[in-house]
Amino acid sequence: MKVTHILKDGTRRDSMKGFVIPVNEDTEHIYQTIARIQMELAEKEAKKNA
């Protein structure tokens, strides 16, 4: 199966590898959520290794 990613501007990509989603008011909450999850995972790992 082949997946083609179609971006908002109509650009078609076979892969999202290396593509950086710009930070703006539409995407900022996603970046904040990812950062929060990363911090939680790092804290869990630090406690596990302490």
Protein backbone atom coordinates (compact mmCIF):
# COMPACT_ATOMS: atom_id res chain seq x y z
CA MET A 1 0.00 0.00 0.00
CA LYS A 2 1.28 3.48 -0.85
CA VAL A 3 0.42 6.54 1.23
CA THR A 4 0.48 10.00 -0.33
CA HIS A 5 0.39 12.95 2.06
CA ILE A 6 -1.50 15.95 0.70
CA LEU A 7 -0.67 19.18 2.48
CA LYS A 8 -3.01 22.12 2.98
CA ASP A 9 -1.33 24.01 0.12
CA GLY A 10 -1.89 21.08 -2.25
CA THR A 11 1.68 19.79 -2.13
CA ARG A 12 1.88 16.01 -2.39
CA ARG A 13 4.57 14.04 -0.55
CA ASP A 14 5.36 10.34 -0.46
CA SER A 15 6.88 10.78 2.99
CA MET A 16 6.72 13.34 5.79
CA LYS A 17 10.32 12.52 6.75
CA GLY A 18 12.26 15.72 7.26
CA PHE A 19 9.16 17.91 6.93
CA VAL A 20 8.83 20.43 9.76
CA ILE A 21 5.34 21.67 10.55
CA PRO A 22 5.59 25.41 11.18
CA VAL A 23 4.62 26.78 14.59
CA ASN A 24 1.69 29.16 14.31
CA GLU A 25 -1.59 29.74 16.11
CA ASP A 26 -3.11 26.66 14.43
CA THR A 27 -0.30 24.29 15.45
CA GLU A 28 1.04 25.78 18.70
CA HIS A 29 -1.24 23.64 20.90
CA ILE A 30 0.07 20.47 19.26
CA TYR A 31 3.68 21.47 19.93
CA GLN A 32 2.77 22.27 23.56
CA THR A 33 1.10 18.87 23.95
CA ILE A 34 4.10 17.05 22.48
CA ALA A 35 6.47 19.00 24.77
CA ARG A 36 4.36 18.15 27.84
CA ILE A 37 4.31 14.45 26.96
CA GLN A 38 8.09 14.47 26.38
CA MET A 39 8.64 16.09 29.78
CA GLU A 40 6.40 13.53 31.51
CA LEU A 41 8.25 10.65 29.83
CA ALA A 42 11.64 12.13 30.76
CA GLU A 43 10.54 12.51 34.40
CA LYS A 44 9.32 8.90 34.51
CA GLU A 45 12.60 7.68 33.03
CA ALA A 46 14.63 9.76 35.51
CA LYS A 47 12.67 8.32 38.46
CA LYS A 48 13.09 4.81 37.08
CA ASN A 49 16.87 5.26 36.81
CA ALA A 50 17.31 6.97 40.20
